[in-house]
Structures are given as C-alpha cells and as structure tokens.
C-alpha cells in the first residue's frame, strides 16, 4: 500500500506490519520501484501494544490506510486518530459483510464519520474522516 501511495504521488509514506518478513519484502519492492529511501519508513511491530512504535510512526498524516481483518481494525481503532492531521482520512478495507456494521460503529466511536462505503462480493471498504 505504501508503494502504491508513493507511485501515485504521496510525498511520504510509512508502512507498518506485525510480520518482519512482510516489511523486508515491501522494502525490497520499494527499491525495485526506484523509490527514494527518504520518502518512506517501514516498521515491524504492533501499534496496539507498542507506544514506542506509535511514537516512531508519528502524526500529521493526510491518510491512513488499513487493509486487514476486522478484529485487527477493531483493536487499532483507538489509535488511528493520533496518526492523522486535522481533516485527515482513514481508509479501511478487508472487512467481511458480517463484520461491517461492528467495524463502522467502532471507527465512529473513535471520532470518525463514514463518507463512503464500497462493497465487492463479501468484502467492504470504507472511507472515514475525522469529526
């Protein structure tokens, strides 16, 4: 996702994954796409448990994108707001139909409002903005 963001014009991107191998592969792919290393950061860890990691990631982002299962989105929901700048947006995807309402409610409780929702088969993506 961070590679796509940079290729589409983002000035800077930060990637986080709980799996070290995923971060290694993503970093290799960024190099293959000739992306300057000063345009991105990539970390391994769990933002729900690691305050130091959240500090490394920082704040002031225009957009946070999370494509992962509902349980992880629910656990991350209290932290999204801290990464975004005022008027920032949150795009989540990978949510199955049976969990959509539950995830939407948790994100709204965390200080967001849904602005767009898309469904493809059994999967959902939702765009939120800070309120």
Protein backbone atom coordinates (compact mmCIF):
# COMPACT_ATOMS: atom_id res chain seq x y z
CA UNK A 1 0.00 0.00 0.00
CA UNK A 2 2.79 2.46 0.79
CA UNK A 3 4.44 1.77 -2.57
CA UNK A 4 1.19 2.47 -4.41
CA UNK A 5 0.74 5.68 -2.42
CA UNK A 6 4.20 6.90 -3.35
CA UNK A 7 3.81 5.92 -7.00
CA UNK A 8 0.51 7.81 -7.06
CA UNK A 9 2.13 10.98 -5.76
CA UNK A 10 2.28 10.87 -1.97
CA UNK A 11 5.17 12.91 -0.63
CA UNK A 12 5.96 10.46 2.18
CA UNK A 13 4.60 7.15 3.41
CA UNK A 14 5.06 4.95 6.45
CA UNK A 15 4.39 1.21 6.42
CA UNK A 16 3.81 -0.98 9.46
CA UNK A 17 3.30 -4.72 9.63
CA UNK A 18 3.40 -7.16 12.50
CA UNK A 19 5.42 -9.60 10.35
CA UNK A 20 9.10 -8.77 9.89
CA UNK A 21 9.22 -10.67 6.61
CA UNK A 22 6.43 -8.50 5.14
CA UNK A 23 8.33 -5.33 5.95
CA UNK A 24 11.52 -6.76 4.43
CA UNK A 25 9.74 -7.74 1.20
CA UNK A 26 7.93 -4.39 0.98
CA UNK A 27 11.22 -2.52 1.41
CA UNK A 28 12.82 -4.64 -1.33
CA UNK A 29 9.85 -3.89 -3.59
CA UNK A 30 10.23 -0.16 -2.90
CA UNK A 31 13.84 -0.36 -4.03
CA UNK A 32 12.82 -2.25 -7.18
CA UNK A 33 10.37 0.58 -7.89
CA UNK A 34 13.25 3.05 -7.50
CA UNK A 35 11.60 4.87 -4.60
CA UNK A 36 13.94 7.10 -2.65
CA UNK A 37 14.52 5.78 0.87
CA UNK A 38 13.93 9.24 2.34
CA UNK A 39 10.33 9.10 1.03
CA UNK A 40 9.22 6.25 3.29
CA UNK A 41 9.71 4.43 6.55
CA UNK A 42 8.86 0.82 7.28
CA UNK A 43 8.48 -0.69 10.74
CA UNK A 44 7.73 -4.09 12.21
CA UNK A 45 5.52 -4.16 15.26
CA UNK A 46 2.09 -3.97 16.81
CA UNK A 47 0.73 -0.45 17.18
CA UNK A 48 -1.87 -1.67 19.66
CA UNK A 49 0.79 -2.70 22.16
CA UNK A 50 3.89 -0.63 21.40
CA UNK A 51 3.86 3.03 22.42
CA UNK A 52 7.43 3.42 21.13
CA UNK A 53 6.32 2.25 17.70
CA UNK A 54 3.42 4.70 17.66
CA UNK A 55 5.91 7.46 18.50
CA UNK A 56 8.21 6.39 15.63
CA UNK A 57 5.31 6.45 13.18
CA UNK A 58 4.40 9.94 14.31
CA UNK A 59 1.39 12.01 13.36
CA UNK A 60 0.21 14.56 10.84
CA UNK A 61 -0.65 12.13 8.06
CA UNK A 62 -3.28 13.07 5.48
CA UNK A 63 -4.40 9.47 5.10
CA UNK A 64 -4.12 6.20 6.98
CA UNK A 65 -4.88 3.02 5.06
CA UNK A 66 -5.50 -0.33 6.74
CA UNK A 67 -6.33 -3.44 4.73
CA UNK A 68 -6.71 -6.16 7.32
CA UNK A 69 -9.29 -8.28 9.10
CA UNK A 70 -11.98 -6.82 11.33
CA UNK A 71 -10.50 -7.95 14.66
CA UNK A 72 -7.27 -6.07 13.96
CA UNK A 73 -9.13 -2.96 12.78
CA UNK A 74 -11.17 -3.03 15.99
CA UNK A 75 -8.01 -3.27 18.10
CA UNK A 76 -6.38 -0.44 16.14
CA UNK A 77 -9.41 1.87 16.14
CA UNK A 78 -8.41 3.90 19.22
CA UNK A 79 -5.04 4.76 17.63
CA UNK A 80 -5.95 5.89 14.10
CA UNK A 81 -6.89 9.42 15.15
CA UNK A 82 -3.45 10.01 16.66
CA UNK A 83 -1.70 9.42 13.35
CA UNK A 84 -3.80 11.85 11.33
CA UNK A 85 -3.67 15.59 10.88
CA UNK A 86 -6.79 17.70 11.29
CA UNK A 87 -9.23 16.79 8.49
CA UNK A 88 -7.32 13.54 7.92
CA UNK A 89 -8.94 10.49 6.42
CA UNK A 90 -8.97 6.80 7.24
CA UNK A 91 -9.47 4.14 4.57
CA UNK A 92 -10.11 0.62 5.79
CA UNK A 93 -10.70 -2.47 3.70
CA UNK A 94 -10.71 -6.22 4.00
CA UNK A 95 -13.87 -6.24 6.10
CA UNK A 96 -16.32 -9.08 5.51
CA UNK A 97 -20.02 -8.27 5.27
CA UNK A 98 -20.86 -9.88 8.63
CA UNK A 99 -18.47 -7.52 10.45
CA UNK A 100 -19.08 -4.28 8.55
CA UNK A 101 -21.56 -2.69 10.99
CA UNK A 102 -19.44 -3.59 14.02
CA UNK A 103 -16.31 -2.08 12.46
CA UNK A 104 -18.15 1.06 11.35
CA UNK A 105 -19.50 1.56 14.87
CA UNK A 106 -16.04 1.21 16.43
CA UNK A 107 -14.45 3.66 13.98
CA UNK A 108 -17.26 6.15 14.51
CA UNK A 109 -16.86 5.79 18.29
CA UNK A 110 -13.16 6.61 17.80
CA UNK A 111 -14.06 10.04 16.36
CA UNK A 112 -14.71 9.46 12.67
CA UNK A 113 -17.67 9.62 10.32
CA UNK A 114 -18.05 7.43 7.26
CA UNK A 115 -18.02 9.36 3.99
CA UNK A 116 -18.02 6.49 1.52
CA UNK A 117 -18.54 2.74 1.55
CA UNK A 118 -17.92 0.19 -1.21
CA UNK A 119 -18.78 -3.48 -1.36
CA UNK A 120 -17.37 -6.14 -3.67
CA UNK A 121 -18.82 -9.58 -3.10
CA UNK A 122 -18.35 -10.37 0.57
CA UNK A 123 -15.76 -7.62 1.16
CA UNK A 124 -16.08 -3.99 2.19
CA UNK A 125 -14.01 -0.85 2.12
CA UNK A 126 -14.95 2.34 3.96
CA UNK A 127 -13.58 5.86 3.91
CA UNK A 128 -13.85 7.92 7.09
CA UNK A 129 -12.92 11.46 8.03
CA UNK A 130 -12.19 12.92 11.42
CA UNK A 131 -15.03 14.77 13.10
